[in-house]
């Protein structure tokens, strides 16, 4: 069959051009979407009278055969199949004869590949949202199991205030909810069919882009043919949403790297989600957590690289846009693998709640409670802050324990010193969204509603 554009040329393409130009090794994974778009296109050609029904049925039968061959890896690719679109059309023509040669009527690879990629993105992002929701459900389950366990909350990686472990786990869950929203928004903006835009200007043939859009399940068809074939905003948006998701997974991974160290000792990783050392027999390494952290850089690189590709392109289609698939496919594959591994790691790890509680035993992590005690008694906060800060400084200087200094202070006394007892401070956080037990119970219920809404959105 040769290339789809060989009629204009008197000689074959140079090998160097083919090596640079041909995209089949990358875009062959679009075969199901290419065939879905071709089916919709053929049925539209029949309906508008551009293809005899018998010929159209022959082409549709051939598409079924091609899909089956692709699915079971029996499809024989030819040397001149430069991309998945060429390969499908060549094989359809082999099977359906002259009728197959009519498959490309009214269609360009420009609108064809844009259609294929949008179909793929919509399906793939939906599946990734399902994996994110799985991880969120695991975090919610572990939060339920945590009960009243507490640990230090940190700012600047310095112990700040005690928080419930459930509260900490749900913080990661809420961040992932924003990732779900971004992924769903990106998917929604991909939900526009470019088929019918042609190379860039539409067609003189009586095509029906609305019919093909509906047949493929798109919510709408394009409004401007130039924009339709050149728009890759949906790829950039998907890459950004995936990269920020990767950043959140990296943050969770970083915490588990710290928490699993002897210095923290807050968690014990399950053997199935840790590795050993090739030299040091005692080692148990948090490789899943570290790889979750490392993969984020790769995902960020895909966003910045692809935006650099887009930033200098005039309307409409340019071959530069062929570079959209490798970063997108790799980002989706990377996020999928990371989500599954992180989910398994979180589900199987053991929390050392005794070590967490011991880390909050130092009275300084509840200094804010002393300041708020003074505020409740009428003292301005800035003055209260200075009073408590001075007591902390004296305790650290060896002038006495903080509890003794608080007890002896005229504006504080034994009642305030009782706030320094382990576990007391975490019960005193009563504001909505805070770490107190009642607030966390409300939060957990609202998080359950969020997960149910995500599942419902996925089902729809």
Protein backbone atom coordinates (compact mmCIF):
# COMPACT_ATOMS: atom_id res chain seq x y z
CA UNK A 1 0.00 0.00 0.00
CA UNK A 2 2.86 2.42 0.78
CA UNK A 3 2.41 5.70 2.61
CA UNK A 4 -0.84 7.63 2.56
CA UNK A 5 0.91 10.55 0.86
CA UNK A 6 3.15 8.85 -1.73
CA UNK A 7 1.28 10.14 -4.79
CA UNK A 8 2.97 13.53 -4.60
CA UNK A 9 6.48 12.06 -4.51
CA UNK A 10 8.57 10.45 -7.23
CA UNK A 11 10.94 8.62 -4.89
CA UNK A 12 10.76 6.66 -1.67
CA UNK A 13 11.34 8.32 1.68
CA UNK A 14 14.91 8.16 2.93
CA UNK A 15 15.65 5.70 5.67
CA UNK A 16 16.78 8.51 7.96
CA UNK A 17 13.45 10.27 7.49
CA UNK A 18 11.54 7.08 8.24
CA UNK A 19 13.59 6.49 11.37
CA UNK A 20 12.74 9.96 12.63
CA UNK A 21 9.20 10.22 11.31
CA UNK A 22 7.56 6.84 11.86
CA UNK A 23 5.60 6.67 15.09
CA UNK A 24 4.24 3.12 15.00
CA UNK A 25 6.32 1.86 17.95
CA UNK A 26 4.66 4.53 20.09
CA UNK A 27 1.15 4.98 18.72
CA UNK A 28 0.28 1.34 18.12
CA UNK A 29 -1.37 1.30 21.54
CA UNK A 30 -4.04 3.58 20.04
CA UNK A 31 -5.33 0.78 17.81
CA UNK A 32 -8.65 0.28 19.63
CA UNK A 33 -9.39 4.00 19.53
CA UNK A 34 -8.37 4.25 15.89
CA UNK A 35 -10.74 1.42 15.03
CA UNK A 36 -13.55 2.95 17.11
CA UNK A 37 -13.15 6.22 15.24
CA UNK A 38 -13.04 4.41 11.91
CA UNK A 39 -16.27 2.56 12.67
CA UNK A 40 -18.06 5.80 13.48
CA UNK A 41 -16.63 7.40 10.33
CA UNK A 42 -17.74 4.51 8.09
CA UNK A 43 -21.28 4.53 9.48
CA UNK A 44 -21.47 8.27 8.89
CA UNK A 45 -20.22 7.85 5.30
CA UNK A 46 -22.99 5.32 4.71
CA UNK A 47 -25.64 7.59 6.23
CA UNK A 48 -24.67 10.62 4.12
CA UNK A 49 -24.45 8.58 0.91
CA UNK A 50 -20.69 8.68 0.39
CA UNK A 51 -20.31 4.92 0.84
CA UNK A 52 -22.57 2.15 -0.42
CA UNK A 53 -24.03 0.17 2.44
CA UNK A 54 -22.59 -3.10 1.17
CA UNK A 55 -19.13 -1.57 0.90
CA UNK A 56 -19.51 -0.03 4.32
CA UNK A 57 -20.45 -3.35 5.89
CA UNK A 58 -17.44 -4.94 4.22
CA UNK A 59 -15.20 -2.29 5.75
CA UNK A 60 -16.82 -2.70 9.17
CA UNK A 61 -16.28 -6.46 9.01
CA UNK A 62 -12.65 -5.87 8.10
CA UNK A 63 -12.27 -3.50 11.06
CA UNK A 64 -13.57 -6.26 13.33
CA UNK A 65 -10.93 -8.62 11.97
CA UNK A 66 -8.17 -6.04 12.43
CA UNK A 67 -9.23 -5.38 16.01
CA UNK A 68 -9.16 -9.10 16.80
CA UNK A 69 -5.73 -9.48 15.22
CA UNK A 70 -4.40 -6.50 17.15
CA UNK A 71 -5.85 -7.82 20.39
CA UNK A 72 -4.28 -11.27 20.12
CA UNK A 73 -0.98 -10.02 18.67
CA UNK A 74 -1.45 -11.87 15.41
CA UNK A 75 -1.53 -8.68 13.33
CA UNK A 76 1.33 -8.63 10.83
CA UNK A 77 2.78 -5.14 10.58
CA UNK A 78 4.37 -4.19 7.25
CA UNK A 79 7.64 -2.34 6.74
CA UNK A 80 5.87 0.73 5.35
CA UNK A 81 3.36 1.05 8.20
CA UNK A 82 4.52 4.43 9.44
CA UNK A 83 1.87 4.70 12.15
CA UNK A 84 -1.12 2.85 13.54
CA UNK A 85 -3.49 4.65 11.16
CA UNK A 86 -1.57 3.48 8.10
CA UNK A 87 -1.40 -0.06 9.45
CA UNK A 88 -5.13 -0.29 10.11
CA UNK A 89 -6.10 1.16 6.74
CA UNK A 90 -3.64 -1.06 4.88
CA UNK A 91 -5.00 -4.19 6.48
CA UNK A 92 -8.63 -3.12 5.99
CA UNK A 93 -7.89 -2.59 2.29
CA UNK A 94 -6.31 -6.04 2.07
CA UNK A 95 -9.43 -7.56 3.56
CA UNK A 96 -12.14 -5.39 1.96
CA UNK A 97 -10.51 -4.53 -1.37
CA UNK A 98 -11.58 -1.34 -3.10
CA UNK A 99 -14.14 -0.63 -0.39
CA UNK A 100 -11.30 -0.42 2.13
CA UNK A 101 -9.64 2.28 0.05
CA UNK A 102 -12.73 4.43 0.73
CA UNK A 103 -12.13 4.36 4.49
CA UNK A 104 -10.14 7.61 4.40
CA UNK A 105 -12.84 9.54 2.53
CA UNK A 106 -13.31 12.96 4.12
CA UNK A 107 -10.72 12.28 6.78
CA UNK A 108 -7.16 13.40 7.46
CA UNK A 109 -4.67 11.88 9.82
CA UNK A 110 -4.72 15.29 11.49
CA UNK A 111 -8.30 14.96 12.75
CA UNK A 112 -7.94 11.18 13.00
CA UNK A 113 -5.02 11.14 15.44
CA UNK A 114 -6.50 13.96 17.52
CA UNK A 115 -9.69 11.91 17.82
CA UNK A 116 -7.83 8.73 18.74
CA UNK A 117 -5.80 10.47 21.40
CA UNK A 118 -8.81 12.14 22.99
CA UNK A 119 -10.61 8.80 23.21
CA UNK A 120 -7.54 7.23 24.81
CA UNK A 121 -7.06 10.08 27.29
CA UNK A 122 -10.69 9.99 28.39
CA UNK A 123 -10.56 6.28 29.11
CA UNK A 124 -7.10 6.31 30.70
CA UNK A 125 -7.76 9.24 33.03
CA UNK A 126 -10.97 7.58 34.17
CA UNK A 127 -9.05 4.44 35.08
CA UNK A 128 -6.38 6.44 36.92
CA UNK A 129 -9.09 8.21 38.92
CA UNK A 130 -10.27 4.77 39.98
CA UNK A 131 -6.77 3.91 41.22
CA UNK A 132 -6.48 7.21 43.11
CA UNK A 133 -9.83 6.50 44.76
CA UNK A 134 -8.58 3.05 45.76
CA UNK A 135 -5.63 4.67 47.55
CA UNK A 136 -7.91 7.17 49.24
CA UNK A 137 -10.10 4.34 50.49
CA UNK A 138 -7.02 2.62 51.89
CA UNK A 139 -6.02 5.82 53.70
CA UNK A 140 -9.56 6.10 55.07
CA UNK A 141 -9.49 2.51 56.29
CA UNK A 142 -6.14 3.05 58.01
CA UNK A 143 -7.51 6.24 59.58
CA UNK A 144 -10.42 4.24 61.00
CA UNK A 145 -7.99 1.68 62.41
CA UNK A 146 -5.84 4.40 63.99
CA UNK A 147 -8.50 5.31 66.54
CA UNK A 148 -7.15 7.76 69.13
CA UNK A 149 -3.45 7.26 68.25
CA UNK A 150 -1.54 10.50 67.95
CA UNK A 151 1.86 11.72 66.82
CA UNK A 152 3.70 15.01 66.44
CA UNK A 153 2.55 17.25 63.66
CA UNK A 154 5.46 19.03 62.01
CA UNK A 155 6.24 22.37 60.46
CA UNK A 156 9.72 22.94 59.03
CA UNK A 157 10.24 19.25 59.96
CA UNK A 158 10.27 20.40 63.61
CA UNK A 159 7.77 19.03 66.11
CA UNK A 160 4.93 21.54 66.32
CA UNK A 161 1.71 20.15 67.87
CA UNK A 162 0.23 16.70 68.49
CA UNK A 163 -2.27 15.51 65.90
CA UNK A 164 -4.35 12.39 65.57
CA UNK A 165 -2.85 9.84 63.21
CA UNK A 166 -6.25 9.62 61.51
CA UNK A 167 -6.12 13.37 60.88
CA UNK A 168 -2.68 13.07 59.30
CA UNK A 169 -3.72 10.21 57.01
CA UNK A 170 -6.86 12.03 55.90
CA UNK A 171 -4.75 15.08 54.99
CA UNK A 172 -3.18 12.99 52.25
CA UNK A 173 -6.63 11.76 51.25
CA UNK A 174 -7.98 15.27 50.76
CA UNK A 175 -4.98 16.26 48.62
CA UNK A 176 -5.69 13.25 46.42
CA UNK A 177 -9.31 14.42 46.10
CA UNK A 178 -8.08 17.58 44.45
CA UNK A 179 -6.06 15.41 42.07
CA UNK A 180 -9.24 13.54 41.21
CA UNK A 181 -11.00 16.82 40.46
CA UNK A 182 -8.17 17.95 38.19
CA UNK A 183 -8.06 14.62 36.36
CA UNK A 184 -11.82 14.67 35.85
CA UNK A 185 -11.70 18.27 34.64
CA UNK A 186 -8.95 17.38 32.17
CA UNK A 187 -11.00 14.42 31.00
CA UNK A 188 -14.06 16.63 30.52
CA UNK A 189 -12.11 19.08 28.37
CA UNK A 190 -10.85 16.19 26.24
CA UNK A 191 -14.48 15.25 25.58
CA UNK A 192 -14.72 17.00 22.19
CA UNK A 193 -14.57 15.18 18.87
CA UNK A 194 -12.20 16.61 16.22
CA UNK A 195 -13.37 14.15 13.54
CA UNK A 196 -14.63 16.00 10.50
CA UNK A 197 -12.14 18.85 10.79
CA UNK A 198 -10.05 17.21 8.07
CA UNK A 199 -6.51 18.40 7.60
CA UNK A 200 -7.38 21.88 8.89
CA UNK A 201 -10.38 23.39 7.05
CA UNK A 202 -13.20 20.85 7.04
CA UNK A 203 -14.45 19.29 3.80
CA UNK A 204 -16.56 19.98 0.73
CA UNK A 205 -18.14 16.54 1.23
CA UNK A 206 -21.44 16.28 3.16
CA UNK A 207 -19.86 14.97 6.37
CA UNK A 208 -21.73 14.88 9.67
CA UNK A 209 -19.31 15.56 12.55
CA UNK A 210 -22.16 15.61 15.06
CA UNK A 211 -23.11 12.06 14.14
CA UNK A 212 -19.59 10.73 14.48
CA UNK A 213 -19.14 12.56 17.78
CA UNK A 214 -22.31 10.98 19.17
CA UNK A 215 -21.37 7.54 17.83
CA UNK A 216 -18.03 7.64 19.66
CA UNK A 217 -19.61 8.86 22.89
CA UNK A 218 -18.16 12.37 22.82
CA UNK A 219 -20.11 15.11 24.56
CA UNK A 220 -19.61 17.57 21.71
CA UNK A 221 -17.89 18.11 18.38
CA UNK A 222 -15.32 20.76 17.51
CA UNK A 223 -16.34 24.35 16.79
CA UNK A 224 -13.30 25.43 14.77
CA UNK A 225 -11.46 23.07 12.42
CA UNK A 226 -8.10 24.86 12.77
CA UNK A 227 -8.28 24.61 16.53
CA UNK A 228 -9.53 21.02 16.41
CA UNK A 229 -6.46 19.58 14.69
CA UNK A 230 -3.90 21.71 16.54
CA UNK A 231 -5.29 21.64 20.06
CA UNK A 232 -3.25 19.62 22.52
CA UNK A 233 -4.28 21.56 25.59
CA UNK A 234 -5.96 18.41 26.84
CA UNK A 235 -2.61 16.60 26.74
CA UNK A 236 -0.86 19.41 28.62
CA UNK A 237 -3.65 19.50 31.20
CA UNK A 238 -3.49 15.74 31.68
CA UNK A 239 0.28 15.90 32.10
CA UNK A 240 -0.03 18.66 34.70
CA UNK A 241 -2.73 16.83 36.64
CA UNK A 242 -0.63 13.66 36.59
CA UNK A 243 2.48 15.57 37.66
CA UNK A 244 0.75 17.19 40.63
CA UNK A 245 -0.66 13.80 41.58
CA UNK A 246 2.92 12.54 41.40
CA UNK A 247 4.03 15.37 43.69
CA UNK A 248 1.42 14.33 46.26
CA UNK A 249 2.51 10.71 46.05
CA UNK A 250 6.10 11.92 46.46
CA UNK A 251 5.17 13.78 49.64
CA UNK A 252 3.50 10.67 51.06
CA UNK A 253 6.54 8.65 50.04
CA UNK A 254 8.93 11.10 51.69
CA UNK A 255 7.06 10.87 54.98
CA UNK A 256 7.17 7.09 54.92
CA UNK A 257 10.91 7.20 54.16
CA UNK A 258 11.34 9.30 57.30
CA UNK A 259 8.84 7.40 59.41
CA UNK A 260 10.38 4.01 58.61
CA UNK A 261 13.88 5.15 59.63
CA UNK A 262 15.27 4.20 63.04
CA UNK A 263 15.41 7.89 63.88
CA UNK A 264 11.60 8.11 63.68
CA UNK A 265 10.49 4.50 63.94
CA UNK A 266 6.84 5.40 63.39
CA UNK A 267 6.12 2.60 60.89
CA UNK A 268 7.32 -0.87 59.98
CA UNK A 269 7.10 -1.66 56.28
CA UNK A 270 5.77 -5.03 55.22
CA UNK A 271 8.43 -7.28 53.70
CA UNK A 272 6.44 -7.44 50.45
CA UNK A 273 6.83 -3.68 49.97
CA UNK A 274 10.47 -3.21 51.02
CA UNK A 275 13.82 -4.36 49.69
CA UNK A 276 17.14 -5.38 51.18
CA UNK A 277 20.73 -4.42 50.59
CA UNK A 278 23.13 -6.33 48.35
CA UNK A 279 25.84 -5.74 50.95
CA UNK A 280 24.33 -4.88 54.33
CA UNK A 281 22.36 -7.79 55.83
CA UNK A 282 20.42 -5.71 58.35
CA UNK A 283 18.89 -3.27 55.86
CA UNK A 284 15.20 -2.92 55.04
CA UNK A 285 14.86 -0.21 52.44
CA UNK A 286 11.68 1.79 51.63
CA UNK A 287 12.16 1.52 47.87
CA UNK A 288 8.47 1.95 47.00
CA UNK A 289 8.36 5.21 48.94
CA UNK A 290 11.63 6.39 47.41
CA UNK A 291 10.51 5.55 43.89
CA UNK A 292 7.23 7.39 44.45
CA UNK A 293 9.39 10.36 45.38
CA UNK A 294 11.70 9.91 42.41
CA UNK A 295 9.01 9.42 39.78
CA UNK A 296 7.64 12.90 40.48
CA UNK A 297 10.67 14.46 38.80
CA UNK A 298 10.03 12.42 35.69
CA UNK A 299 6.39 13.54 35.59
CA UNK A 300 7.32 17.20 36.07
CA UNK A 301 9.79 16.86 33.20
CA UNK A 302 7.05 15.63 30.88
CA UNK A 303 4.95 18.74 31.56
CA UNK A 304 7.74 21.22 31.04
CA UNK A 305 9.06 19.41 27.97
CA UNK A 306 5.69 19.24 26.26
CA UNK A 307 4.85 22.87 26.99
CA UNK A 308 8.16 23.81 25.38
CA UNK A 309 7.11 21.79 22.32
CA UNK A 310 3.79 23.63 22.06
CA UNK A 311 4.92 27.17 22.73
CA UNK A 312 6.25 28.03 19.26
CA UNK A 313 3.74 26.32 16.96
CA UNK A 314 1.67 28.33 14.48
CA UNK A 315 -1.79 27.15 13.46
CA UNK A 316 -2.66 24.56 12.59
CA UNK A 317 -1.18 21.05 12.62
CA UNK A 318 2.60 20.64 12.79
CA UNK A 319 4.55 17.40 12.99
CA UNK A 320 5.91 18.56 16.33
CA UNK A 321 2.58 17.43 17.75
CA UNK A 322 3.64 13.84 17.18
CA UNK A 323 5.68 14.37 20.34
CA UNK A 324 2.51 14.43 22.43
CA UNK A 325 2.19 10.68 22.88
CA UNK A 326 5.46 9.54 24.43
CA UNK A 327 5.27 11.85 27.48
CA UNK A 328 1.55 11.23 27.87
CA UNK A 329 1.79 7.46 27.65
CA UNK A 330 4.80 7.35 29.95
CA UNK A 331 3.16 9.66 32.50
CA UNK A 332 0.04 7.51 32.63
CA UNK A 333 2.06 4.30 32.89
CA UNK A 334 4.27 5.79 35.60
CA UNK A 335 1.36 7.05 37.68
CA UNK A 336 -0.51 3.76 37.35
CA UNK A 337 2.43 1.71 38.59
CA UNK A 338 3.17 4.14 41.41
CA UNK A 339 -0.43 4.26 42.64
CA UNK A 340 -0.72 0.48 42.81
CA UNK A 341 2.58 0.10 44.68
CA UNK A 342 1.92 2.95 47.13
CA UNK A 343 -1.57 1.61 47.82
CA UNK A 344 -0.11 -1.78 48.68
CA UNK A 345 2.58 -0.23 50.86
CA UNK A 346 0.11 1.88 52.87
CA UNK A 347 -2.35 -1.00 53.24
CA UNK A 348 0.30 -3.37 54.61
CA UNK A 349 2.50 -1.21 56.83
CA UNK A 350 2.37 -1.37 60.64
CA UNK A 351 2.03 1.84 62.64
CA UNK A 352 4.24 2.05 65.75
CA UNK A 353 1.81 4.13 67.77
CA UNK A 354 3.92 3.72 70.90
CA UNK A 355 6.84 5.46 69.17
CA UNK A 356 4.50 8.15 67.87
CA UNK A 357 3.15 8.85 71.35
CA UNK A 358 6.65 8.89 72.84
CA UNK A 359 7.70 11.51 70.30
CA UNK A 360 5.04 13.86 71.70
CA UNK A 361 6.08 13.36 75.33
CA UNK A 362 8.28 16.49 75.39
CA UNK A 363 6.11 19.25 76.90
CA UNK A 364 7.27 21.87 74.42
CA UNK A 365 4.97 20.54 71.68
CA UNK A 366 1.97 21.81 73.66
CA UNK A 367 3.32 25.29 74.33
CA UNK A 368 0.52 26.81 72.26
CA UNK A 369 -2.00 25.36 74.72
CA UNK A 370 -0.35 27.32 77.50
CA UNK A 371 -0.56 30.51 75.44
CA UNK A 372 -4.22 29.85 74.64
CA UNK A 373 -4.87 29.22 78.35
CA UNK A 374 -3.57 32.72 79.06
CA UNK A 375 -5.63 34.17 76.18
CA UNK A 376 -8.76 32.52 77.60
CA UNK A 377 -7.96 34.32 80.84
CA UNK A 378 -7.91 37.69 79.08
CA UNK A 379 -4.25 38.16 78.16
CA UNK A 380 -3.51 39.47 74.62
CA UNK A 381 -2.03 36.74 72.45
CA UNK A 382 1.26 38.54 71.75
CA UNK A 383 1.87 38.92 75.48
CA UNK A 384 0.89 35.29 76.10
CA UNK A 385 3.27 34.18 73.36
CA UNK A 386 6.13 36.05 75.03
CA UNK A 387 5.33 34.68 78.49
CA UNK A 388 5.29 31.07 77.32
CA UNK A 389 8.33 31.58 75.09
CA UNK A 390 10.28 32.87 78.06
CA UNK A 391 9.25 29.84 80.14
CA UNK A 392 10.39 27.48 77.37
CA UNK A 393 13.71 29.34 77.17
CA UNK A 394 14.19 29.02 80.92
CA UNK A 395 13.38 25.30 80.87
CA UNK A 396 15.84 24.68 78.04
CA UNK A 397 18.47 26.66 79.94
CA UNK A 398 18.14 24.27 82.89
CA UNK A 399 16.24 26.54 85.29
CA UNK A 400 13.72 23.75 85.95
CA UNK A 401 11.25 21.56 84.11
CA UNK A 402 8.62 23.34 82.06
CA UNK A 403 5.92 21.76 84.22
CA UNK A 404 7.49 23.15 87.40
CA UNK A 405 7.97 26.58 85.88
CA UNK A 406 4.37 26.68 84.68
CA UNK A 407 3.10 25.53 88.08
CA UNK A 408 5.05 28.29 89.79
CA UNK A 409 3.96 31.02 87.39
CA UNK A 410 1.41 33.43 88.82
CA UNK A 411 -0.75 33.59 85.69
CA UNK A 412 -0.60 29.84 84.99
CA UNK A 413 -0.31 27.42 87.91
CA UNK A 414 -1.21 23.72 88.38
CA UNK A 415 -4.31 23.86 86.18
CA UNK A 416 -2.22 25.04 83.23
CA UNK A 417 0.55 22.56 84.05
CA UNK A 418 -1.98 19.73 83.66
CA UNK A 419 -2.20 20.62 79.96
CA UNK A 420 1.35 19.30 79.58
CA UNK A 421 0.33 15.74 80.40
CA UNK A 422 0.78 13.35 77.40
CA UNK A 423 -2.25 13.13 75.15
CA UNK A 424 -4.15 16.01 76.71
CA UNK A 425 -3.45 18.64 74.08
CA UNK A 426 -4.71 16.58 71.16
CA UNK A 427 -8.14 16.35 72.81
CA UNK A 428 -8.43 20.13 73.05
CA UNK A 429 -8.60 20.93 69.35
CA UNK A 430 -12.31 21.56 68.84
CA UNK A 431 -12.51 23.74 65.74
CA UNK A 432 -14.03 22.26 62.54
CA UNK A 433 -11.42 20.62 60.34
CA UNK A 434 -8.98 20.39 63.21
CA UNK A 435 -7.37 17.37 64.84
CA UNK A 436 -9.77 16.91 67.78
CA UNK A 437 -11.61 13.60 67.95
CA UNK A 438 -15.06 15.07 67.26
CA UNK A 439 -13.79 17.19 64.38
CA UNK A 440 -11.99 14.21 62.86
CA UNK A 441 -15.14 12.09 63.15
CA UNK A 442 -17.04 14.73 61.17
CA UNK A 443 -14.19 14.97 58.69
CA UNK A 444 -14.12 11.20 58.23
CA UNK A 445 -17.84 11.22 57.42
CA UNK A 446 -17.39 14.03 54.91
CA UNK A 447 -14.45 12.21 53.36
CA UNK A 448 -16.65 9.15 52.94
CA UNK A 449 -19.16 11.32 51.10
CA UNK A 450 -16.35 12.61 48.89
CA UNK A 451 -15.28 9.08 47.97
CA UNK A 452 -18.87 8.08 47.23
CA UNK A 453 -19.24 11.12 44.94
CA UNK A 454 -16.02 10.16 43.14
CA UNK A 455 -17.24 6.61 42.60
CA UNK A 456 -20.57 7.93 41.33
CA UNK A 457 -18.80 10.29 38.92
CA UNK A 458 -16.71 7.38 37.65
CA UNK A 459 -19.77 5.22 37.13
CA UNK A 460 -21.47 7.99 35.18
